[in-house]
Amino acid sequence: LSRDTSLAVRLESNFAGQYTVSNYAVVLDLDEVVLLIRGLLLLEETYFAQQPVNYTEVNFASRSDFSAGAYYDYKTKAWQAWISLSRIRDYKVLLNKQEFQSFRFLLEEARNKLIIK
């Protein structure tokens, strides 16, 4: 047995389909949380201010099934952010900029609590 401690954040969501409800959960290690926060900040500070000429999509993928990112939607002329807790299904939660920023704030709060321990 080892006395090593792993620090992580667990994200969980229920997805209601037409006939069933599925539960998805992922675990992000502390190092992944730190990198994800950096990636989200990069999106907010750099990409969201741009209007690209070519199709542009930015993705973050964890060692578990979690992924997050954004793509530029030419119909709305805006960036569309998303998170996903499953690579198996095309299950993405679309986030507006305020929700995207709130998600980053929650991750920062979780990171700070993990670092303090």
Protein backbone atom coordinates (compact mmCIF):
# COMPACT_ATOMS: atom_id res chain seq x y z
CA LEU A 1 0.00 0.00 0.00
CA SER A 2 1.08 3.50 -0.72
CA ARG A 3 0.50 6.62 1.32
CA ASP A 4 0.60 8.83 -1.77
CA THR A 5 -2.31 11.18 -2.14
CA SER A 6 -3.84 12.16 -5.46
CA LEU A 7 -5.59 15.48 -5.71
CA ALA A 8 -8.35 15.69 -8.29
CA VAL A 9 -11.64 17.29 -9.28
CA ARG A 10 -14.66 15.17 -10.17
CA LEU A 11 -17.14 16.50 -12.72
CA GLU A 12 -20.49 14.79 -13.07
CA SER A 13 -23.56 15.39 -15.20
CA ASN A 14 -26.88 13.74 -15.99
CA PHE A 15 -27.97 13.77 -19.61
CA ALA A 16 -31.63 13.20 -20.36
CA GLY A 17 -32.18 11.56 -23.72
CA GLN A 18 -35.51 10.84 -25.32
CA TYR A 19 -36.01 7.57 -23.42
CA THR A 20 -33.19 7.32 -20.87
CA VAL A 21 -31.13 9.36 -18.46
CA SER A 22 -27.38 8.80 -18.60
CA ASN A 23 -24.87 9.78 -15.94
CA TYR A 24 -21.39 10.88 -16.98
CA ALA A 25 -18.48 11.49 -14.61
CA VAL A 26 -14.82 12.31 -15.14
CA VAL A 27 -11.90 12.93 -12.81
CA LEU A 28 -9.33 15.61 -13.57
CA ASP A 29 -6.01 15.39 -11.74
CA LEU A 30 -4.65 18.61 -10.27
CA ASP A 31 -2.12 18.98 -13.09
CA GLU A 32 -4.93 18.65 -15.66
CA VAL A 33 -7.03 21.25 -13.82
CA VAL A 34 -4.10 23.70 -13.91
CA LEU A 35 -3.60 23.14 -17.65
CA LEU A 36 -7.33 23.36 -18.35
CA ILE A 37 -7.57 26.71 -16.56
CA ARG A 38 -4.64 28.01 -18.64
CA GLY A 39 -6.36 26.82 -21.80
CA LEU A 40 -9.66 28.42 -20.86
CA LEU A 41 -7.88 31.71 -20.11
CA LEU A 42 -6.12 31.54 -23.47
CA LEU A 43 -9.48 31.08 -25.19
CA GLU A 44 -11.03 34.01 -23.34
CA GLU A 45 -8.11 36.42 -23.71
CA THR A 46 -6.92 35.57 -27.21
CA TYR A 47 -9.34 33.61 -29.37
CA PHE A 48 -12.66 35.12 -28.26
CA ALA A 49 -11.41 38.55 -29.37
CA GLN A 50 -10.70 37.28 -32.91
CA GLN A 51 -12.95 36.72 -35.90
CA PRO A 52 -11.05 34.08 -37.90
CA VAL A 53 -11.24 33.86 -41.67
CA ASN A 54 -10.96 30.05 -41.78
CA TYR A 55 -12.81 27.49 -39.68
CA THR A 56 -11.17 27.47 -36.27
CA GLU A 57 -11.70 25.09 -33.36
CA VAL A 58 -9.67 24.84 -30.16
CA ASN A 59 -9.83 21.71 -27.96
CA PHE A 60 -8.56 20.51 -24.60
CA ALA A 61 -8.71 16.77 -23.89
CA SER A 62 -7.95 15.17 -20.55
CA ARG A 63 -6.63 11.68 -19.81
CA SER A 64 -10.19 10.78 -18.84
CA ASP A 65 -13.19 11.40 -21.10
CA PHE A 66 -13.37 15.15 -20.44
CA SER A 67 -12.89 17.66 -23.23
CA ALA A 68 -13.57 21.36 -23.62
CA GLY A 69 -13.16 23.87 -26.35
CA ALA A 70 -14.71 26.37 -28.67
CA TYR A 71 -15.29 26.90 -32.36
CA TYR A 72 -16.08 29.99 -34.37
CA ASP A 73 -19.65 29.89 -35.66
CA TYR A 74 -19.92 31.83 -38.92
CA LYS A 75 -23.72 31.93 -38.78
CA THR A 76 -23.79 33.82 -35.49
CA LYS A 77 -20.39 35.48 -35.99
CA ALA A 78 -19.43 34.41 -32.47
CA TRP A 79 -17.39 31.80 -30.66
CA GLN A 80 -19.32 28.82 -29.31
CA ALA A 81 -17.77 27.23 -26.23
CA TRP A 82 -18.54 23.69 -25.06
CA ILE A 83 -17.59 21.02 -22.55
CA SER A 84 -18.06 17.27 -22.81
CA LEU A 85 -17.88 14.47 -20.24
CA SER A 86 -17.93 11.63 -22.74
CA ARG A 87 -15.89 10.77 -25.82
CA ILE A 88 -18.08 7.78 -26.61
CA ARG A 89 -21.17 9.81 -27.50
CA ASP A 90 -21.34 13.17 -29.12
CA TYR A 91 -22.50 14.71 -25.84
CA LYS A 92 -21.54 18.36 -25.54
CA VAL A 93 -22.88 21.08 -23.30
CA LEU A 94 -22.84 24.40 -25.13
CA LEU A 95 -21.87 27.38 -22.98
CA ASN A 96 -22.31 31.07 -23.57
CA LYS A 97 -19.39 33.34 -22.61
CA GLN A 98 -20.75 34.00 -19.11
CA GLU A 99 -21.27 30.28 -18.41
CA PHE A 100 -17.81 29.54 -19.82
CA GLN A 101 -16.27 32.11 -17.49
CA SER A 102 -18.27 30.76 -14.52
CA PHE A 103 -16.98 27.26 -15.29
CA ARG A 104 -13.40 28.60 -15.23
CA PHE A 105 -14.05 30.39 -11.92
CA LEU A 106 -15.35 27.15 -10.39
CA LEU A 107 -12.26 25.29 -11.59
CA GLU A 108 -10.02 27.99 -10.11
CA GLU A 109 -11.85 27.73 -6.79
CA ALA A 110 -11.47 23.93 -6.81
CA ARG A 111 -7.77 24.24 -7.69
CA ASN A 112 -7.19 26.68 -4.85
CA LYS A 113 -8.88 24.37 -2.36
CA LEU A 114 -6.77 21.43 -3.55
CA ILE A 115 -3.53 23.39 -3.29
CA ILE A 116 -4.31 24.57 0.26
CA LYS A 117 -4.73 21.01 1.57
